[in-house]
Amino acid sequence: MSVFHPVIPKILCEMGARNIQGTKMKSIKRAFKILDTVRIMEGTGASNLSQELDIPRSTAHDYLKVLNELGLLINNDGRYEVSLKFLDYGGDVRKDMDIYPCGWPEVQNLALETGEHANLMIEEFGKGRYIYIAEGKDSAKLDTYTGMEVELHTTALGKAILAHLPKKDAEAIIDSQELPSITSNTITDRDDLFKELRTIRQRGYATDQEERAIGVQCIASPIQGQNGEIFGSIGVSGPASRFSGEQFEDELSSAVQRSANLIELNIANM
């Protein structure tokens, strides 16, 4: 005679709930994977998406349809593109950051003063994110844009942040990223990077010697709070041909540091 233990129904219910939760999580992850893929492909239809992600066409179509209904994708006669809905999300978050209202006017001023690209960056999930960019009258066309995510170790802006994070936080980020090489000049050796971060802390600014994009250099300073906390960084980017000699090391570094100090004062007086 078999005995049905009274605890078994409860266990089965819990297992079912976990399976349902697991399915939901997979669906959410797939939805964002699809959004990211559509963005990278600069728009696509269900057939091409199914081939790209190796999923059934019907599945791709269903996800695209739902994401369109949610306002996250735009449907142009069967070709889906990412909408500007995420700009709404990001803009709403950005306006509440202390660094943004204090920082963007100084970024504008820095672009006017130097004639180059001026940038404001924060660290988020171990990556650098541009939250404001201004172009000066002599600025070259660069591939950066507001909201863009980059590896911290590849830019002066990112290295300025890394150098002033608590050591354990910087180490955790560096260890998790494995220092991928973006150009032949990218620092990919852990010891070499920490040596440079020490130099950055000593002199107060960071440089980028074509480490994220060939032909482009940058100089940046950290933006810190009164207790040493790091809010982000501000910097100037431009063609390597113009970012050399005394202008690069003296004029631009002084301008960037002045801008960083003004932002710090404004944050302190909020």
Protein backbone atom coordinates (compact mmCIF):
# COMPACT_ATOMS: atom_id res chain seq x y z
CA MET A 1 0.00 0.00 0.00
CA SER A 2 1.41 3.40 -0.94
CA VAL A 3 1.20 6.32 1.43
CA PHE A 4 0.90 9.89 0.02
CA HIS A 5 2.84 12.10 2.38
CA PRO A 6 0.95 15.33 3.27
CA VAL A 7 4.07 17.45 2.57
CA ILE A 8 4.33 16.28 -1.06
CA PRO A 9 1.58 18.58 -2.45
CA LYS A 10 3.31 21.58 -0.88
CA ILE A 11 6.67 20.57 -2.40
CA LEU A 12 5.09 20.08 -5.83
CA CYS A 13 3.45 23.52 -5.61
CA GLU A 14 6.75 25.14 -4.67
CA MET A 15 8.52 23.35 -7.54
CA GLY A 16 5.85 24.54 -9.92
CA ALA A 17 6.15 28.09 -8.65
CA ARG A 18 9.92 27.98 -9.11
CA ASN A 19 9.51 26.67 -12.65
CA ILE A 20 7.05 29.45 -13.45
CA GLN A 21 9.42 32.03 -11.99
CA GLY A 22 12.31 30.53 -13.97
CA THR A 23 10.28 30.73 -17.17
CA LYS A 24 9.38 34.35 -16.48
CA MET A 25 13.02 35.25 -15.85
CA LYS A 26 14.08 33.56 -19.09
CA SER A 27 11.39 35.51 -20.95
CA ILE A 28 12.57 38.81 -19.48
CA LYS A 29 16.20 38.05 -20.34
CA ARG A 30 15.23 37.06 -23.87
CA ALA A 31 13.19 40.25 -24.31
CA PHE A 32 16.18 42.41 -23.42
CA LYS A 33 18.45 40.27 -25.56
CA ILE A 34 16.11 40.92 -28.46
CA LEU A 35 16.06 44.66 -27.75
CA ASP A 36 19.84 44.74 -27.69
CA THR A 37 20.08 42.71 -30.89
CA VAL A 38 17.61 44.97 -32.71
CA ARG A 39 19.68 47.97 -31.59
CA ILE A 40 22.96 46.45 -32.78
CA MET A 41 21.39 45.43 -36.11
CA GLU A 42 19.95 48.96 -36.44
CA GLY A 43 16.54 47.49 -37.10
CA THR A 44 15.38 44.09 -38.29
CA GLY A 45 12.39 41.88 -39.02
CA ALA A 46 11.26 38.61 -37.45
CA SER A 47 13.01 36.36 -40.01
CA ASN A 48 16.45 37.96 -39.65
CA LEU A 49 16.09 38.15 -35.87
CA SER A 50 15.21 34.45 -35.63
CA GLN A 51 18.33 33.60 -37.65
CA GLU A 52 20.53 35.93 -35.61
CA LEU A 53 19.40 34.49 -32.26
CA ASP A 54 18.65 30.95 -33.48
CA ILE A 55 15.05 31.02 -32.26
CA PRO A 56 11.81 30.11 -34.09
CA ARG A 57 10.45 32.85 -36.34
CA SER A 58 7.11 32.71 -34.53
CA THR A 59 8.88 33.34 -31.22
CA ALA A 60 10.78 36.28 -32.67
CA HIS A 61 7.57 37.70 -34.11
CA ASP A 62 5.71 37.38 -30.80
CA TYR A 63 8.46 39.18 -28.88
CA LEU A 64 8.73 41.94 -31.47
CA LYS A 65 4.96 42.43 -31.41
CA VAL A 66 4.78 42.69 -27.61
CA LEU A 67 7.80 45.02 -27.40
CA ASN A 68 6.14 47.19 -30.03
CA GLU A 69 2.90 47.26 -28.02
CA LEU A 70 4.90 48.35 -24.97
CA GLY A 71 6.36 51.25 -26.93
CA LEU A 72 9.92 49.91 -26.78
CA LEU A 73 10.14 49.10 -30.50
CA ILE A 74 8.77 50.92 -33.53
CA ASN A 75 7.25 48.86 -36.34
CA ASN A 76 8.04 50.27 -39.78
CA ASP A 77 6.21 47.88 -42.13
CA GLY A 78 7.64 44.79 -40.46
CA ARG A 79 11.05 46.27 -39.74
CA TYR A 80 11.42 46.90 -36.03
CA GLU A 81 13.65 49.59 -34.55
CA VAL A 82 14.33 50.64 -30.96
CA SER A 83 12.16 53.59 -29.90
CA LEU A 84 13.22 56.63 -27.87
CA LYS A 85 11.31 55.31 -24.84
CA PHE A 86 14.61 54.53 -23.15
CA LEU A 87 15.63 58.17 -23.54
CA ASP A 88 12.60 58.99 -21.38
CA TYR A 89 13.77 56.54 -18.70
CA GLY A 90 17.39 57.69 -18.78
CA GLY A 91 16.54 61.38 -18.89
CA ASP A 92 14.26 61.05 -15.88
CA VAL A 93 16.98 59.28 -13.86
CA ARG A 94 19.73 61.65 -15.01
CA LYS A 95 17.97 64.85 -13.90
CA ASP A 96 17.92 63.61 -10.30
CA MET A 97 21.68 62.93 -10.14
CA ASP A 98 23.65 65.57 -8.21
CA ILE A 99 26.38 65.56 -10.84
CA TYR A 100 24.08 66.39 -13.77
CA PRO A 101 22.57 69.81 -12.92
CA CYS A 102 25.94 70.91 -11.54
CA GLY A 103 27.93 69.36 -14.34
CA TRP A 104 26.30 70.06 -17.68
CA PRO A 105 26.80 73.86 -17.65
CA GLU A 106 30.51 73.34 -16.98
CA VAL A 107 30.72 70.80 -19.80
CA GLN A 108 29.25 73.44 -22.10
CA ASN A 109 31.74 76.03 -20.86
CA LEU A 110 34.64 73.60 -21.29
CA ALA A 111 33.62 72.93 -24.90
CA LEU A 112 33.45 76.69 -25.57
CA GLU A 113 36.81 77.31 -23.89
CA THR A 114 38.73 74.53 -25.63
CA GLY A 115 36.81 74.23 -28.90
CA GLU A 116 36.80 70.44 -28.46
CA HIS A 117 34.41 67.71 -27.35
CA ALA A 118 33.67 67.97 -23.61
CA ASN A 119 32.21 65.01 -21.75
CA LEU A 120 30.63 64.08 -18.43
CA MET A 121 30.82 60.44 -17.32
CA ILE A 122 29.63 58.30 -14.42
CA GLU A 123 30.35 54.71 -13.44
CA GLU A 124 27.44 52.28 -13.60
CA PHE A 125 27.67 48.50 -13.17
CA GLY A 126 31.44 48.63 -13.63
CA LYS A 127 31.24 50.49 -16.95
CA GLY A 128 31.59 54.14 -17.90
CA ARG A 129 28.49 55.92 -19.19
CA TYR A 130 28.50 59.32 -20.93
CA ILE A 131 25.66 61.37 -19.45
CA TYR A 132 26.34 64.65 -21.23
CA ILE A 133 28.41 65.71 -24.25
CA ALA A 134 29.00 69.17 -25.71
CA GLU A 135 30.78 70.03 -28.96
CA GLY A 136 33.14 72.97 -29.36
CA LYS A 137 33.61 75.01 -32.53
CA ASP A 138 36.69 73.02 -33.60
CA SER A 139 35.55 69.59 -32.43
CA ALA A 140 36.01 66.63 -34.75
CA LYS A 141 33.23 64.14 -35.42
CA LEU A 142 33.58 61.38 -32.81
CA ASP A 143 31.63 58.16 -32.27
CA THR A 144 30.60 59.00 -28.70
CA TYR A 145 27.01 59.90 -27.76
CA THR A 146 25.02 60.60 -24.63
CA GLY A 147 24.16 57.32 -22.93
CA MET A 148 27.01 55.39 -24.55
CA GLU A 149 28.63 52.68 -22.43
CA VAL A 150 32.40 52.07 -22.52
CA GLU A 151 35.04 50.08 -20.66
CA LEU A 152 36.43 52.26 -17.88
CA HIS A 153 40.06 51.30 -18.48
CA THR A 154 39.96 52.46 -22.11
CA THR A 155 39.26 56.17 -21.55
CA ALA A 156 40.74 59.04 -19.57
CA LEU A 157 37.29 59.69 -18.12
CA GLY A 158 36.99 56.08 -16.97
CA LYS A 159 40.51 55.88 -15.58
CA ALA A 160 39.96 59.11 -13.61
CA ILE A 161 36.99 57.39 -11.96
CA LEU A 162 38.80 54.10 -11.38
CA ALA A 163 41.77 55.87 -9.80
CA HIS A 164 39.57 57.49 -7.16
CA LEU A 165 37.23 54.63 -6.30
CA PRO A 166 37.92 52.72 -3.07
CA LYS A 167 40.68 50.22 -3.90
CA LYS A 168 38.49 47.16 -3.36
CA ASP A 169 35.81 48.56 -5.67
CA ALA A 170 38.33 49.36 -8.41
CA GLU A 171 39.87 45.89 -8.09
CA ALA A 172 36.45 44.23 -8.31
CA ILE A 173 35.62 46.13 -11.50
CA ILE A 174 38.99 45.42 -13.11
CA ASP A 175 38.85 41.73 -12.20
CA SER A 176 35.30 41.37 -13.55
CA GLN A 177 36.05 43.10 -16.87
CA GLU A 178 39.30 41.22 -17.63
CA LEU A 179 40.64 44.36 -19.36
CA PRO A 180 39.60 43.70 -22.97
CA SER A 181 41.73 45.25 -25.70
CA ILE A 182 39.83 47.82 -27.78
CA THR A 183 42.83 49.21 -29.70
CA SER A 184 46.52 48.31 -29.84
CA ASN A 185 47.10 51.03 -27.21
CA THR A 186 44.60 49.76 -24.64
CA ILE A 187 46.16 48.88 -21.29
CA THR A 188 45.41 45.17 -20.78
CA ASP A 189 47.93 44.31 -18.05
CA ARG A 190 46.54 44.60 -14.53
CA ASP A 191 49.81 45.76 -12.96
CA ASP A 192 50.37 48.38 -15.67
CA LEU A 193 46.87 49.72 -15.14
CA PHE A 194 47.26 50.03 -11.37
CA LYS A 195 50.58 51.80 -11.92
CA GLU A 196 48.84 54.33 -14.14
CA LEU A 197 45.99 54.77 -11.64
CA ARG A 198 48.57 55.70 -8.98
CA THR A 199 50.03 58.31 -11.33
CA ILE A 200 46.56 59.71 -12.00
CA ARG A 201 45.88 60.13 -8.29
CA GLN A 202 49.21 61.94 -7.83
CA ARG A 203 48.82 64.46 -10.68
CA GLY A 204 45.02 64.93 -10.50
CA TYR A 205 44.10 64.07 -14.09
CA ALA A 206 44.07 61.12 -16.49
CA THR A 207 45.03 60.81 -20.15
CA ASP A 208 43.91 58.47 -22.91
CA GLN A 209 46.51 57.80 -25.60
CA GLU A 210 44.25 56.46 -28.36
CA GLU A 211 43.22 53.61 -26.06
CA ARG A 212 39.55 53.42 -27.08
CA ALA A 213 39.67 54.88 -30.58
CA ILE A 214 42.68 55.28 -32.84
CA GLY A 215 43.33 58.92 -33.63
CA VAL A 216 41.46 60.20 -30.56
CA GLN A 217 42.96 61.30 -27.26
CA CYS A 218 41.38 62.57 -24.07
CA ILE A 219 42.24 64.24 -20.80
CA ALA A 220 39.95 64.05 -17.75
CA SER A 221 39.67 64.84 -14.05
CA PRO A 222 37.60 63.17 -11.33
CA ILE A 223 34.63 64.87 -9.70
CA GLN A 224 34.65 64.11 -5.98
CA GLY A 225 32.58 64.89 -2.93
CA GLN A 226 33.82 66.49 0.29
CA ASN A 227 34.34 63.06 1.83
CA GLY A 228 36.26 61.72 -1.14
CA GLU A 229 33.35 59.93 -2.80
CA ILE A 230 33.51 59.83 -6.58
CA PHE A 231 30.58 61.26 -8.54
CA GLY A 232 32.09 60.87 -11.99
CA SER A 233 34.53 62.68 -14.25
CA ILE A 234 34.76 65.49 -16.79
CA GLY A 235 37.06 65.54 -19.79
CA VAL A 236 37.97 66.84 -23.22
CA SER A 237 38.42 64.64 -26.30
CA GLY A 238 39.84 65.40 -29.72
CA PRO A 239 42.18 64.42 -32.55
CA ALA A 240 45.56 63.09 -31.44
CA SER A 241 47.24 65.59 -33.75
CA ARG A 242 45.96 68.47 -31.59
CA PHE A 243 46.33 66.75 -28.22
CA SER A 244 50.08 66.84 -27.86
CA GLY A 245 52.88 68.83 -26.30
CA GLU A 246 52.27 71.72 -23.91
CA GLN A 247 48.62 72.18 -24.88
CA PHE A 248 47.78 68.62 -23.89
CA GLU A 249 49.68 68.52 -20.62
CA ASP A 250 49.31 72.11 -19.46
CA GLU A 251 46.47 74.08 -21.02
CA LEU A 252 43.91 71.28 -21.31
CA SER A 253 44.73 69.66 -17.97
CA SER A 254 44.32 73.02 -16.22
CA ALA A 255 41.02 73.72 -17.96
CA VAL A 256 39.65 70.27 -17.13
CA GLN A 257 40.72 70.48 -13.48
CA ARG A 258 39.14 73.93 -13.09
CA SER A 259 35.87 72.59 -14.48
CA ALA A 260 35.96 69.60 -12.14
CA ASN A 261 36.59 71.85 -9.13
CA LEU A 262 33.66 74.12 -10.04
CA ILE A 263 31.33 71.13 -10.30
CA GLU A 264 32.55 69.86 -6.94
CA LEU A 265 31.84 73.25 -5.34
CA ASN A 266 28.38 73.37 -6.87
CA ILE A 267 27.57 69.88 -5.61
CA ALA A 268 28.82 70.78 -2.13
CA ASN A 269 26.54 73.85 -2.06
CA MET A 270 23.38 72.11 -3.29
